[in-house]
mmCIF file of all heavy atoms, coordinates in Angstrom:
data_MODEL
# 
_entry.id   MODEL 
# 
loop_
_atom_site.group_PDB 
_atom_site.id 
_atom_site.type_symbol 
_atom_site.label_atom_id 
_atom_site.label_alt_id 
_atom_site.label_comp_id 
_atom_site.label_asym_id 
_atom_site.label_entity_id 
_atom_site.label_seq_id 
_atom_site.pdbx_PDB_ins_code 
_atom_site.Cartn_x 
_atom_site.Cartn_y 
_atom_site.Cartn_z 
_atom_site.occupancy 
_atom_site.B_iso_or_equiv 
_atom_site.pdbx_formal_charge 
_atom_site.auth_seq_id 
_atom_site.auth_comp_id 
_atom_site.auth_asym_id 
_atom_site.auth_atom_id 
_atom_site.pdbx_PDB_model_num 
ATOM 1   N N   . PHE A 1 1  ? -7.330  -12.157 -9.048  1.00 0.00 ? 1  PHE A N   1 
ATOM 2   C CA  . PHE A 1 1  ? -6.082  -12.466 -9.759  1.00 0.00 ? 1  PHE A CA  1 
ATOM 3   C C   . PHE A 1 1  ? -5.778  -11.301 -10.685 1.00 0.00 ? 1  PHE A C   1 
ATOM 4   O O   . PHE A 1 1  ? -6.608  -10.940 -11.509 1.00 0.00 ? 1  PHE A O   1 
ATOM 5   C CB  . PHE A 1 1  ? -6.278  -13.769 -10.557 1.00 0.00 ? 1  PHE A CB  1 
ATOM 6   C CG  . PHE A 1 1  ? -5.041  -14.296 -11.207 1.00 0.00 ? 1  PHE A CG  1 
ATOM 7   C CD1 . PHE A 1 1  ? -4.053  -14.915 -10.460 1.00 0.00 ? 1  PHE A CD1 1 
ATOM 8   C CD2 . PHE A 1 1  ? -4.872  -14.207 -12.581 1.00 0.00 ? 1  PHE A CD2 1 
ATOM 9   C CE1 . PHE A 1 1  ? -2.913  -15.417 -11.058 1.00 0.00 ? 1  PHE A CE1 1 
ATOM 10  C CE2 . PHE A 1 1  ? -3.737  -14.716 -13.198 1.00 0.00 ? 1  PHE A CE2 1 
ATOM 11  C CZ  . PHE A 1 1  ? -2.753  -15.321 -12.427 1.00 0.00 ? 1  PHE A CZ  1 
ATOM 12  N N   . LYS A 1 2  ? -4.601  -10.680 -10.516 1.00 0.00 ? 2  LYS A N   1 
ATOM 13  C CA  . LYS A 1 2  ? -4.297  -9.458  -11.268 1.00 0.00 ? 2  LYS A CA  1 
ATOM 14  C C   . LYS A 1 2  ? -2.869  -9.456  -11.772 1.00 0.00 ? 2  LYS A C   1 
ATOM 15  O O   . LYS A 1 2  ? -1.935  -9.760  -11.043 1.00 0.00 ? 2  LYS A O   1 
ATOM 16  C CB  . LYS A 1 2  ? -4.530  -8.238  -10.385 1.00 0.00 ? 2  LYS A CB  1 
ATOM 17  C CG  . LYS A 1 2  ? -4.229  -6.918  -11.082 1.00 0.00 ? 2  LYS A CG  1 
ATOM 18  C CD  . LYS A 1 2  ? -4.639  -5.746  -10.229 1.00 0.00 ? 2  LYS A CD  1 
ATOM 19  C CE  . LYS A 1 2  ? -4.324  -4.414  -10.885 1.00 0.00 ? 2  LYS A CE  1 
ATOM 20  N NZ  . LYS A 1 2  ? -4.849  -4.251  -12.222 1.00 0.00 ? 2  LYS A NZ  1 
ATOM 21  N N   . LYS A 1 3  ? -2.717  -9.064  -13.041 1.00 0.00 ? 3  LYS A N   1 
ATOM 22  C CA  . LYS A 1 3  ? -1.393  -8.864  -13.618 1.00 0.00 ? 3  LYS A CA  1 
ATOM 23  C C   . LYS A 1 3  ? -0.818  -7.559  -13.086 1.00 0.00 ? 3  LYS A C   1 
ATOM 24  O O   . LYS A 1 3  ? -1.501  -6.540  -13.035 1.00 0.00 ? 3  LYS A O   1 
ATOM 25  C CB  . LYS A 1 3  ? -1.481  -8.809  -15.145 1.00 0.00 ? 3  LYS A CB  1 
ATOM 26  C CG  . LYS A 1 3  ? -0.156  -8.542  -15.832 1.00 0.00 ? 3  LYS A CG  1 
ATOM 27  C CD  . LYS A 1 3  ? -0.338  -8.462  -17.342 1.00 0.00 ? 3  LYS A CD  1 
ATOM 28  C CE  . LYS A 1 3  ? 0.951   -8.107  -18.038 1.00 0.00 ? 3  LYS A CE  1 
ATOM 29  N NZ  . LYS A 1 3  ? 0.774   -8.035  -19.505 1.00 0.00 ? 3  LYS A NZ  1 
ATOM 30  N N   . ILE A 1 4  ? 0.442   -7.601  -12.694 1.00 0.00 ? 4  ILE A N   1 
ATOM 31  C CA  . ILE A 1 4  ? 1.144   -6.402  -12.250 1.00 0.00 ? 4  ILE A CA  1 
ATOM 32  C C   . ILE A 1 4  ? 2.124   -6.039  -13.362 1.00 0.00 ? 4  ILE A C   1 
ATOM 33  O O   . ILE A 1 4  ? 3.076   -6.768  -13.626 1.00 0.00 ? 4  ILE A O   1 
ATOM 34  C CB  . ILE A 1 4  ? 1.899   -6.637  -10.918 1.00 0.00 ? 4  ILE A CB  1 
ATOM 35  C CG1 . ILE A 1 4  ? 0.943   -7.192  -9.849  1.00 0.00 ? 4  ILE A CG1 1 
ATOM 36  C CG2 . ILE A 1 4  ? 2.579   -5.364  -10.448 1.00 0.00 ? 4  ILE A CG2 1 
ATOM 37  C CD1 . ILE A 1 4  ? -0.217  -6.286  -9.495  1.00 0.00 ? 4  ILE A CD1 1 
ATOM 38  N N   . SER A 1 5  ? 1.871   -4.926  -14.020 1.00 0.00 ? 5  SER A N   1 
ATOM 39  C CA  . SER A 1 5  ? 2.679   -4.572  -15.190 1.00 0.00 ? 5  SER A CA  1 
ATOM 40  C C   . SER A 1 5  ? 3.980   -3.890  -14.777 1.00 0.00 ? 5  SER A C   1 
ATOM 41  O O   . SER A 1 5  ? 4.076   -3.285  -13.708 1.00 0.00 ? 5  SER A O   1 
ATOM 42  C CB  . SER A 1 5  ? 1.887   -3.656  -16.133 1.00 0.00 ? 5  SER A CB  1 
ATOM 43  O OG  . SER A 1 5  ? 1.723   -2.381  -15.537 1.00 0.00 ? 5  SER A OG  1 
ATOM 44  N N   . LYS A 1 6  ? 4.960   -3.990  -15.650 1.00 0.00 ? 6  LYS A N   1 
ATOM 45  C CA  . LYS A 1 6  ? 6.258   -3.338  -15.414 1.00 0.00 ? 6  LYS A CA  1 
ATOM 46  C C   . LYS A 1 6  ? 6.105   -1.821  -15.519 1.00 0.00 ? 6  LYS A C   1 
ATOM 47  O O   . LYS A 1 6  ? 6.718   -1.079  -14.763 1.00 0.00 ? 6  LYS A O   1 
ATOM 48  C CB  . LYS A 1 6  ? 7.290   -3.826  -16.442 1.00 0.00 ? 6  LYS A CB  1 
ATOM 49  C CG  . LYS A 1 6  ? 7.583   -5.309  -16.361 1.00 0.00 ? 6  LYS A CG  1 
ATOM 50  C CD  . LYS A 1 6  ? 8.528   -5.731  -17.481 1.00 0.00 ? 6  LYS A CD  1 
ATOM 51  C CE  . LYS A 1 6  ? 8.780   -7.226  -17.472 1.00 0.00 ? 6  LYS A CE  1 
ATOM 52  N NZ  . LYS A 1 6  ? 7.698   -7.996  -18.058 1.00 0.00 ? 6  LYS A NZ  1 
ATOM 53  N N   . ILE A 1 7  ? 5.288   -1.364  -16.453 1.00 0.00 ? 7  ILE A N   1 
ATOM 54  C CA  . ILE A 1 7  ? 5.139   0.067   -16.721 1.00 0.00 ? 7  ILE A CA  1 
ATOM 55  C C   . ILE A 1 7  ? 4.363   0.773   -15.608 1.00 0.00 ? 7  ILE A C   1 
ATOM 56  O O   . ILE A 1 7  ? 4.709   1.873   -15.199 1.00 0.00 ? 7  ILE A O   1 
ATOM 57  C CB  . ILE A 1 7  ? 4.448   0.292   -18.087 1.00 0.00 ? 7  ILE A CB  1 
ATOM 58  C CG1 . ILE A 1 7  ? 5.316   -0.285  -19.213 1.00 0.00 ? 7  ILE A CG1 1 
ATOM 59  C CG2 . ILE A 1 7  ? 4.159   1.760   -18.329 1.00 0.00 ? 7  ILE A CG2 1 
ATOM 60  C CD1 . ILE A 1 7  ? 4.618   -0.393  -20.542 1.00 0.00 ? 7  ILE A CD1 1 
ATOM 61  N N   . ASN A 1 8  ? 3.314   0.124   -15.102 1.00 0.00 ? 8  ASN A N   1 
ATOM 62  C CA  . ASN A 1 8  ? 2.453   0.753   -14.093 1.00 0.00 ? 8  ASN A CA  1 
ATOM 63  C C   . ASN A 1 8  ? 2.516   -0.016  -12.776 1.00 0.00 ? 8  ASN A C   1 
ATOM 64  O O   . ASN A 1 8  ? 1.504   -0.287  -12.150 1.00 0.00 ? 8  ASN A O   1 
ATOM 65  C CB  . ASN A 1 8  ? 1.017   0.831   -14.608 1.00 0.00 ? 8  ASN A CB  1 
ATOM 66  C CG  . ASN A 1 8  ? 0.146   1.694   -13.726 1.00 0.00 ? 8  ASN A CG  1 
ATOM 67  O OD1 . ASN A 1 8  ? 0.595   2.656   -13.110 1.00 0.00 ? 8  ASN A OD1 1 
ATOM 68  N ND2 . ASN A 1 8  ? -1.131  1.335   -13.642 1.00 0.00 ? 8  ASN A ND2 1 
ATOM 69  N N   . LEU A 1 9  ? 3.722   -0.384  -12.359 1.00 0.00 ? 9  LEU A N   1 
ATOM 70  C CA  . LEU A 1 9  ? 3.913   -1.221  -11.167 1.00 0.00 ? 9  LEU A CA  1 
ATOM 71  C C   . LEU A 1 9  ? 3.241   -0.620  -9.935  1.00 0.00 ? 9  LEU A C   1 
ATOM 72  O O   . LEU A 1 9  ? 2.427   -1.271  -9.277  1.00 0.00 ? 9  LEU A O   1 
ATOM 73  C CB  . LEU A 1 9  ? 5.416   -1.425  -10.923 1.00 0.00 ? 9  LEU A CB  1 
ATOM 74  C CG  . LEU A 1 9  ? 5.826   -2.095  -9.619  1.00 0.00 ? 9  LEU A CG  1 
ATOM 75  C CD1 . LEU A 1 9  ? 5.253   -3.498  -9.529  1.00 0.00 ? 9  LEU A CD1 1 
ATOM 76  C CD2 . LEU A 1 9  ? 7.344   -2.140  -9.496  1.00 0.00 ? 9  LEU A CD2 1 
ATOM 77  N N   . ARG A 1 10 ? 3.559   0.615   -9.629  1.00 0.00 ? 10 ARG A N   1 
ATOM 78  C CA  . ARG A 1 10 ? 3.033   1.250   -8.416  1.00 0.00 ? 10 ARG A CA  1 
ATOM 79  C C   . ARG A 1 10 ? 1.505   1.377   -8.476  1.00 0.00 ? 10 ARG A C   1 
ATOM 80  O O   . ARG A 1 10 ? 0.811   1.087   -7.499  1.00 0.00 ? 10 ARG A O   1 
ATOM 81  C CB  . ARG A 1 10 ? 3.671   2.629   -8.244  1.00 0.00 ? 10 ARG A CB  1 
ATOM 82  C CG  . ARG A 1 10 ? 3.464   3.243   -6.877  1.00 0.00 ? 10 ARG A CG  1 
ATOM 83  C CD  . ARG A 1 10 ? 4.158   4.599   -6.804  1.00 0.00 ? 10 ARG A CD  1 
ATOM 84  N NE  . ARG A 1 10 ? 5.590   4.473   -6.892  1.00 0.00 ? 10 ARG A NE  1 
ATOM 85  C CZ  . ARG A 1 10 ? 6.403   4.449   -5.839  1.00 0.00 ? 10 ARG A CZ  1 
ATOM 86  N NH1 . ARG A 1 10 ? 5.898   4.528   -4.630  1.00 0.00 ? 10 ARG A NH1 1 
ATOM 87  N NH2 . ARG A 1 10 ? 7.697   4.341   -6.001  1.00 0.00 ? 10 ARG A NH2 1 
ATOM 88  N N   . GLY A 1 11 ? 0.966   1.779   -9.626  1.00 0.00 ? 11 GLY A N   1 
ATOM 89  C CA  . GLY A 1 11 ? -0.485  1.914   -9.778  1.00 0.00 ? 11 GLY A CA  1 
ATOM 90  C C   . GLY A 1 11 ? -1.205  0.586   -9.648  1.00 0.00 ? 11 GLY A C   1 
ATOM 91  O O   . GLY A 1 11 ? -2.254  0.484   -8.998  1.00 0.00 ? 11 GLY A O   1 
ATOM 92  N N   . ASP A 1 12 ? -0.645  -0.454  -10.259 1.00 0.00 ? 12 ASP A N   1 
ATOM 93  C CA  . ASP A 1 12 ? -1.263  -1.790  -10.174 1.00 0.00 ? 12 ASP A CA  1 
ATOM 94  C C   . ASP A 1 12 ? -1.243  -2.317  -8.739  1.00 0.00 ? 12 ASP A C   1 
ATOM 95  O O   . ASP A 1 12 ? -2.211  -2.924  -8.271  1.00 0.00 ? 12 ASP A O   1 
ATOM 96  C CB  . ASP A 1 12 ? -0.548  -2.776  -11.105 1.00 0.00 ? 12 ASP A CB  1 
ATOM 97  C CG  . ASP A 1 12 ? -0.908  -2.561  -12.567 1.00 0.00 ? 12 ASP A CG  1 
ATOM 98  O OD1 . ASP A 1 12 ? -1.892  -1.855  -12.846 1.00 0.00 ? 12 ASP A OD1 1 
ATOM 99  O OD2 . ASP A 1 12 ? -0.197  -3.104  -13.432 1.00 0.00 ? 12 ASP A OD2 1 
ATOM 100 N N   . LEU A 1 13 ? -0.118  -2.103  -8.039  1.00 0.00 ? 13 LEU A N   1 
ATOM 101 C CA  . LEU A 1 13 ? -0.032  -2.533  -6.633  1.00 0.00 ? 13 LEU A CA  1 
ATOM 102 C C   . LEU A 1 13 ? -1.025  -1.763  -5.767  1.00 0.00 ? 13 LEU A C   1 
ATOM 103 O O   . LEU A 1 13 ? -1.701  -2.340  -4.909  1.00 0.00 ? 13 LEU A O   1 
ATOM 104 C CB  . LEU A 1 13 ? 1.389   -2.334  -6.095  1.00 0.00 ? 13 LEU A CB  1 
ATOM 105 C CG  . LEU A 1 13 ? 2.445   -3.338  -6.550  1.00 0.00 ? 13 LEU A CG  1 
ATOM 106 C CD1 . LEU A 1 13 ? 3.824   -2.929  -6.052  1.00 0.00 ? 13 LEU A CD1 1 
ATOM 107 C CD2 . LEU A 1 13 ? 2.111   -4.747  -6.081  1.00 0.00 ? 13 LEU A CD2 1 
ATOM 108 N N   . TRP A 1 14 ? -1.117  -0.448  -6.007  1.00 0.00 ? 14 TRP A N   1 
ATOM 109 C CA  . TRP A 1 14 ? -2.053  0.382   -5.245  1.00 0.00 ? 14 TRP A CA  1 
ATOM 110 C C   . TRP A 1 14 ? -3.487  -0.129  -5.428  1.00 0.00 ? 14 TRP A C   1 
ATOM 111 O O   . TRP A 1 14 ? -4.238  -0.265  -4.461  1.00 0.00 ? 14 TRP A O   1 
ATOM 112 C CB  . TRP A 1 14 ? -1.938  1.841   -5.695  1.00 0.00 ? 14 TRP A CB  1 
ATOM 113 C CG  . TRP A 1 14 ? -2.773  2.776   -4.885  1.00 0.00 ? 14 TRP A CG  1 
ATOM 114 C CD1 . TRP A 1 14 ? -2.424  3.378   -3.718  1.00 0.00 ? 14 TRP A CD1 1 
ATOM 115 C CD2 . TRP A 1 14 ? -4.102  3.195   -5.182  1.00 0.00 ? 14 TRP A CD2 1 
ATOM 116 N NE1 . TRP A 1 14 ? -3.465  4.159   -3.263  1.00 0.00 ? 14 TRP A NE1 1 
ATOM 117 C CE2 . TRP A 1 14 ? -4.511  4.067   -4.140  1.00 0.00 ? 14 TRP A CE2 1 
ATOM 118 C CE3 . TRP A 1 14 ? -4.999  2.924   -6.221  1.00 0.00 ? 14 TRP A CE3 1 
ATOM 119 C CZ2 . TRP A 1 14 ? -5.767  4.657   -4.108  1.00 0.00 ? 14 TRP A CZ2 1 
ATOM 120 C CZ3 . TRP A 1 14 ? -6.250  3.516   -6.191  1.00 0.00 ? 14 TRP A CZ3 1 
ATOM 121 C CH2 . TRP A 1 14 ? -6.623  4.375   -5.150  1.00 0.00 ? 14 TRP A CH2 1 
ATOM 122 N N   . ASN A 1 15 ? -3.876  -0.428  -6.678  1.00 0.00 ? 15 ASN A N   1 
ATOM 123 C CA  . ASN A 1 15 ? -5.223  -0.946  -6.951  1.00 0.00 ? 15 ASN A CA  1 
ATOM 124 C C   . ASN A 1 15 ? -5.446  -2.311  -6.322  1.00 0.00 ? 15 ASN A C   1 
ATOM 125 O O   . ASN A 1 15 ? -6.533  -2.612  -5.833  1.00 0.00 ? 15 ASN A O   1 
ATOM 126 C CB  . ASN A 1 15 ? -5.473  -1.022  -8.461  1.00 0.00 ? 15 ASN A CB  1 
ATOM 127 C CG  . ASN A 1 15 ? -5.782  0.337   -9.058  1.00 0.00 ? 15 ASN A CG  1 
ATOM 128 O OD1 . ASN A 1 15 ? -6.444  1.148   -8.431  1.00 0.00 ? 15 ASN A OD1 1 
ATOM 129 N ND2 . ASN A 1 15 ? -5.276  0.596   -10.253 1.00 0.00 ? 15 ASN A ND2 1 
ATOM 130 N N   . PHE A 1 16 ? -4.414  -3.154  -6.351  1.00 0.00 ? 16 PHE A N   1 
ATOM 131 C CA  . PHE A 1 16 ? -4.551  -4.509  -5.794  1.00 0.00 ? 16 PHE A CA  1 
ATOM 132 C C   . PHE A 1 16 ? -4.756  -4.459  -4.276  1.00 0.00 ? 16 PHE A C   1 
ATOM 133 O O   . PHE A 1 16 ? -5.558  -5.207  -3.733  1.00 0.00 ? 16 PHE A O   1 
ATOM 134 C CB  . PHE A 1 16 ? -3.316  -5.346  -6.140  1.00 0.00 ? 16 PHE A CB  1 
ATOM 135 C CG  . PHE A 1 16 ? -3.415  -6.779  -5.692  1.00 0.00 ? 16 PHE A CG  1 
ATOM 136 C CD1 . PHE A 1 16 ? -4.125  -7.711  -6.436  1.00 0.00 ? 16 PHE A CD1 1 
ATOM 137 C CD2 . PHE A 1 16 ? -2.806  -7.195  -4.519  1.00 0.00 ? 16 PHE A CD2 1 
ATOM 138 C CE1 . PHE A 1 16 ? -4.225  -9.036  -6.024  1.00 0.00 ? 16 PHE A CE1 1 
ATOM 139 C CE2 . PHE A 1 16 ? -2.905  -8.520  -4.093  1.00 0.00 ? 16 PHE A CE2 1 
ATOM 140 C CZ  . PHE A 1 16 ? -3.612  -9.441  -4.851  1.00 0.00 ? 16 PHE A CZ  1 
ATOM 141 N N   . PHE A 1 17 ? -4.009  -3.579  -3.602  1.00 0.00 ? 17 PHE A N   1 
ATOM 142 C CA  . PHE A 1 17 ? -4.079  -3.499  -2.137  1.00 0.00 ? 17 PHE A CA  1 
ATOM 143 C C   . PHE A 1 17 ? -5.039  -2.409  -1.647  1.00 0.00 ? 17 PHE A C   1 
ATOM 144 O O   . PHE A 1 17 ? -5.044  -2.079  -0.460  1.00 0.00 ? 17 PHE A O   1 
ATOM 145 C CB  . PHE A 1 17 ? -2.675  -3.256  -1.563  1.00 0.00 ? 17 PHE A CB  1 
ATOM 146 C CG  . PHE A 1 17 ? -1.789  -4.467  -1.609  1.00 0.00 ? 17 PHE A CG  1 
ATOM 147 C CD1 . PHE A 1 17 ? -0.799  -4.577  -2.578  1.00 0.00 ? 17 PHE A CD1 1 
ATOM 148 C CD2 . PHE A 1 17 ? -1.938  -5.501  -0.695  1.00 0.00 ? 17 PHE A CD2 1 
ATOM 149 C CE1 . PHE A 1 17 ? 0.024   -5.691  -2.619  1.00 0.00 ? 17 PHE A CE1 1 
ATOM 150 C CE2 . PHE A 1 17 ? -1.126  -6.609  -0.731  1.00 0.00 ? 17 PHE A CE2 1 
ATOM 151 C CZ  . PHE A 1 17 ? -0.141  -6.713  -1.702  1.00 0.00 ? 17 PHE A CZ  1 
ATOM 152 N N   . LYS A 1 18 ? -5.853  -1.871  -2.534  1.00 0.00 ? 18 LYS A N   1 
ATOM 153 C CA  . LYS A 1 18 ? -6.815  -0.820  -2.172  1.00 0.00 ? 18 LYS A CA  1 
ATOM 154 C C   . LYS A 1 18 ? -7.676  -1.311  -1.008  1.00 0.00 ? 18 LYS A C   1 
ATOM 155 O O   . LYS A 1 18 ? -8.188  -2.430  -1.029  1.00 0.00 ? 18 LYS A O   1 
ATOM 156 C CB  . LYS A 1 18 ? -7.699  -0.516  -3.389  1.00 0.00 ? 18 LYS A CB  1 
ATOM 157 C CG  . LYS A 1 18 ? -8.347  0.828   -3.363  1.00 0.00 ? 18 LYS A CG  1 
ATOM 158 C CD  . LYS A 1 18 ? -9.026  1.077   -4.699  1.00 0.00 ? 18 LYS A CD  1 
ATOM 159 C CE  . LYS A 1 18 ? -9.614  2.456   -4.743  1.00 0.00 ? 18 LYS A CE  1 
ATOM 160 N NZ  . LYS A 1 18 ? -10.211 2.735   -6.044  1.00 0.00 ? 18 LYS A NZ  1 
ATOM 161 N N   . GLY A 1 19 ? -7.816  -0.469  0.006   1.00 0.00 ? 19 GLY A N   1 
ATOM 162 C CA  . GLY A 1 19 ? -8.573  -0.865  1.194   1.00 0.00 ? 19 GLY A CA  1 
ATOM 163 C C   . GLY A 1 19 ? -7.662  -1.239  2.348   1.00 0.00 ? 19 GLY A C   1 
ATOM 164 O O   . GLY A 1 19 ? -8.071  -1.230  3.506   1.00 0.00 ? 19 GLY A O   1 
ATOM 165 N N   . ASP A 1 20 ? -6.413  -1.589  2.048   1.00 0.00 ? 20 ASP A N   1 
ATOM 166 C CA  . ASP A 1 20 ? -5.408  -1.877  3.074   1.00 0.00 ? 20 ASP A CA  1 
ATOM 167 C C   . ASP A 1 20 ? -4.535  -0.623  3.205   1.00 0.00 ? 20 ASP A C   1 
ATOM 168 O O   . ASP A 1 20 ? -3.514  -0.479  2.536   1.00 0.00 ? 20 ASP A O   1 
ATOM 169 C CB  . ASP A 1 20 ? -4.570  -3.102  2.642   1.00 0.00 ? 20 ASP A CB  1 
ATOM 170 C CG  . ASP A 1 20 ? -3.560  -3.526  3.694   1.00 0.00 ? 20 ASP A CG  1 
ATOM 171 O OD1 . ASP A 1 20 ? -3.178  -2.701  4.554   1.00 0.00 ? 20 ASP A OD1 1 
ATOM 172 O OD2 . ASP A 1 20 ? -3.115  -4.683  3.643   1.00 0.00 ? 20 ASP A OD2 1 
ATOM 173 N N   . ASP A 1 21 ? -4.997  0.309   4.080   1.00 0.00 ? 21 ASP A N   1 
ATOM 174 C CA  . ASP A 1 21 ? -4.354  1.629   4.176   1.00 0.00 ? 21 ASP A CA  1 
ATOM 175 C C   . ASP A 1 21 ? -2.860  1.550   4.469   1.00 0.00 ? 21 ASP A C   1 
ATOM 176 O O   . ASP A 1 21 ? -2.074  2.308   3.899   1.00 0.00 ? 21 ASP A O   1 
ATOM 177 C CB  . ASP A 1 21 ? -5.049  2.479   5.247   1.00 0.00 ? 21 ASP A CB  1 
ATOM 178 C CG  . ASP A 1 21 ? -6.488  2.806   4.876   1.00 0.00 ? 21 ASP A CG  1 
ATOM 179 O OD1 . ASP A 1 21 ? -6.812  2.726   3.669   1.00 0.00 ? 21 ASP A OD1 1 
ATOM 180 O OD2 . ASP A 1 21 ? -7.291  3.123   5.771   1.00 0.00 ? 21 ASP A OD2 1 
ATOM 181 N N   . GLU A 1 22 ? -2.481  0.640   5.339   1.00 0.00 ? 22 GLU A N   1 
ATOM 182 C CA  . GLU A 1 22 ? -1.066  0.506   5.711   1.00 0.00 ? 22 GLU A CA  1 
ATOM 183 C C   . GLU A 1 22 ? -0.211  0.104   4.504   1.00 0.00 ? 22 GLU A C   1 
ATOM 184 O O   . GLU A 1 22 ? 0.859   0.668   4.267   1.00 0.00 ? 22 GLU A O   1 
ATOM 185 C CB  . GLU A 1 22 ? -0.924  -0.548  6.819   1.00 0.00 ? 22 GLU A CB  1 
ATOM 186 C CG  . GLU A 1 22 ? 0.488   -0.703  7.343   1.00 0.00 ? 22 GLU A CG  1 
ATOM 187 C CD  . GLU A 1 22 ? 0.597   -1.840  8.360   1.00 0.00 ? 22 GLU A CD  1 
ATOM 188 O OE1 . GLU A 1 22 ? -0.384  -2.099  9.089   1.00 0.00 ? 22 GLU A OE1 1 
ATOM 189 O OE2 . GLU A 1 22 ? 1.666   -2.461  8.411   1.00 0.00 ? 22 GLU A OE2 1 
ATOM 190 N N   . GLN A 1 23 ? -0.722  -0.845  3.728   1.00 0.00 ? 23 GLN A N   1 
ATOM 191 C CA  . GLN A 1 23 ? 0.034   -1.318  2.569   1.00 0.00 ? 23 GLN A CA  1 
ATOM 192 C C   . GLN A 1 23 ? 0.065   -0.268  1.454   1.00 0.00 ? 23 GLN A C   1 
ATOM 193 O O   . GLN A 1 23 ? 1.095   -0.083  0.802   1.00 0.00 ? 23 GLN A O   1 
ATOM 194 C CB  . GLN A 1 23 ? -0.570  -2.635  2.039   1.00 0.00 ? 23 GLN A CB  1 
ATOM 195 C CG  . GLN A 1 23 ? 0.325   -3.413  1.120   1.00 0.00 ? 23 GLN A CG  1 
ATOM 196 C CD  . GLN A 1 23 ? 1.595   -3.918  1.794   1.00 0.00 ? 23 GLN A CD  1 
ATOM 197 O OE1 . GLN A 1 23 ? 1.723   -3.928  3.010   1.00 0.00 ? 23 GLN A OE1 1 
ATOM 198 N NE2 . GLN A 1 23 ? 2.556   -4.334  0.992   1.00 0.00 ? 23 GLN A NE2 1 
ATOM 199 N N   . VAL A 1 24 ? -1.035  0.424   1.247   1.00 0.00 ? 24 VAL A N   1 
ATOM 200 C CA  . VAL A 1 24 ? -1.090  1.488   0.236   1.00 0.00 ? 24 VAL A CA  1 
ATOM 201 C C   . VAL A 1 24 ? -0.092  2.590   0.581   1.00 0.00 ? 24 VAL A C   1 
ATOM 202 O O   . VAL A 1 24 ? 0.619   3.099   -0.285  1.00 0.00 ? 24 VAL A O   1 
ATOM 203 C CB  . VAL A 1 24 ? -2.526  2.061   0.113   1.00 0.00 ? 24 VAL A CB  1 
ATOM 204 C CG1 . VAL A 1 24 ? -2.531  3.343   -0.706  1.00 0.00 ? 24 VAL A CG1 1 
ATOM 205 C CG2 . VAL A 1 24 ? -3.440  1.025   -0.529  1.00 0.00 ? 24 VAL A CG2 1 
ATOM 206 N N   . LYS A 1 25 ? -0.019  2.925   1.874   1.00 0.00 ? 25 LYS A N   1 
ATOM 207 C CA  . LYS A 1 25 ? 0.938   3.940   2.333   1.00 0.00 ? 25 LYS A CA  1 
ATOM 208 C C   . LYS A 1 25 ? 2.370   3.484   2.054   1.00 0.00 ? 25 LYS A C   1 
ATOM 209 O O   . LYS A 1 25 ? 3.215   4.262   1.602   1.00 0.00 ? 25 LYS A O   1 
ATOM 210 C CB  . LYS A 1 25 ? 0.738   4.185   3.829   1.00 0.00 ? 25 LYS A CB  1 
ATOM 211 C CG  . LYS A 1 25 ? 1.550   5.325   4.379   1.00 0.00 ? 25 LYS A CG  1 
ATOM 212 C CD  . LYS A 1 25 ? 1.248   5.528   5.862   1.00 0.00 ? 25 LYS A CD  1 
ATOM 213 C CE  . LYS A 1 25 ? 2.145   6.622   6.428   1.00 0.00 ? 25 LYS A CE  1 
ATOM 214 N NZ  . LYS A 1 25 ? 1.926   6.811   7.885   1.00 0.00 ? 25 LYS A NZ  1 
ATOM 215 N N   . LYS A 1 26 ? 2.642   2.215   2.296   1.00 0.00 ? 26 LYS A N   1 
ATOM 216 C CA  . LYS A 1 26 ? 3.979   1.659   2.052   1.00 0.00 ? 26 LYS A CA  1 
ATOM 217 C C   . LYS A 1 26 ? 4.320   1.707   0.560   1.00 0.00 ? 26 LYS A C   1 
ATOM 218 O O   . LYS A 1 26 ? 5.446   2.026   0.175   1.00 0.00 ? 26 LYS A O   1 
ATOM 219 C CB  . LYS A 1 26 ? 4.040   0.221   2.569   1.00 0.00 ? 26 LYS A CB  1 
ATOM 220 C CG  . LYS A 1 26 ? 5.427   -0.390  2.513   1.00 0.00 ? 26 LYS A CG  1 
ATOM 221 C CD  . LYS A 1 26 ? 5.440   -1.770  3.143   1.00 0.00 ? 26 LYS A CD  1 
ATOM 222 C CE  . LYS A 1 26 ? 6.834   -2.368  3.077   1.00 0.00 ? 26 LYS A CE  1 
ATOM 223 N NZ  . LYS A 1 26 ? 6.863   -3.727  3.649   1.00 0.00 ? 26 LYS A NZ  1 
ATOM 224 N N   . ILE A 1 27 ? 3.337   1.382   -0.275  1.00 0.00 ? 27 ILE A N   1 
ATOM 225 C CA  . ILE A 1 27 ? 3.547   1.397   -1.735  1.00 0.00 ? 27 ILE A CA  1 
ATOM 226 C C   . ILE A 1 27 ? 3.868   2.821   -2.203  1.00 0.00 ? 27 ILE A C   1 
ATOM 227 O O   . ILE A 1 27 ? 4.759   3.024   -3.020  1.00 0.00 ? 27 ILE A O   1 
ATOM 228 C CB  . ILE A 1 27 ? 2.299   0.843   -2.473  1.00 0.00 ? 27 ILE A CB  1 
ATOM 229 C CG1 . ILE A 1 27 ? 2.160   -0.653  -2.215  1.00 0.00 ? 27 ILE A CG1 1 
ATOM 230 C CG2 . ILE A 1 27 ? 2.379   1.114   -3.979  1.00 0.00 ? 27 ILE A CG2 1 
ATOM 231 C CD1 . ILE A 1 27 ? 0.796   -1.221  -2.521  1.00 0.00 ? 27 ILE A CD1 1 
ATOM 232 N N   . LYS A 1 28 ? 3.149   3.792   -1.654  1.00 0.00 ? 28 LYS A N   1 
ATOM 233 C CA  . LYS A 1 28 ? 3.363   5.187   -2.048  1.00 0.00 ? 28 LYS A CA  1 
ATOM 234 C C   . LYS A 1 28 ? 4.730   5.716   -1.602  1.00 0.00 ? 28 LYS A C   1 
ATOM 235 O O   . LYS A 1 28 ? 5.340   6.529   -2.280  1.00 0.00 ? 28 LYS A O   1 
ATOM 236 C CB  . LYS A 1 28 ? 2.254   6.075   -1.478  1.00 0.00 ? 28 LYS A CB  1 
ATOM 237 C CG  . LYS A 1 28 ? 0.930   5.912   -2.188  1.00 0.00 ? 28 LYS A CG  1 
ATOM 238 C CD  . LYS A 1 28 ? -0.111  6.846   -1.585  1.00 0.00 ? 28 LYS A CD  1 
ATOM 239 C CE  . LYS A 1 28 ? -1.426  6.745   -2.330  1.00 0.00 ? 28 LYS A CE  1 
ATOM 240 N NZ  . LYS A 1 28 ? -2.472  7.608   -1.756  1.00 0.00 ? 28 LYS A NZ  1 
ATOM 241 N N   . SER A 1 29 ? 5.200   5.232   -0.453  1.00 0.00 ? 29 SER A N   1 
ATOM 242 C CA  . SER A 1 29 ? 6.437   5.777   0.112   1.00 0.00 ? 29 SER A CA  1 
ATOM 243 C C   . SER A 1 29 ? 7.688   4.973   -0.228  1.00 0.00 ? 29 SER A C   1 
ATOM 244 O O   . SER A 1 29 ? 8.800   5.405   0.047   1.00 0.00 ? 29 SER A O   1 
ATOM 245 C CB  . SER A 1 29 ? 6.308   5.871   1.640   1.00 0.00 ? 29 SER A CB  1 
ATOM 246 O OG  . SER A 1 29 ? 6.154   4.571   2.191   1.00 0.00 ? 29 SER A OG  1 
# 
């Protein structure tokens, strides 16, 4: 269970989905 902050949205999402390469790629792009 993780809070996704407004300030660090992309970083928090990247950490949450770490290990799911496809989703991390989508978050970055």
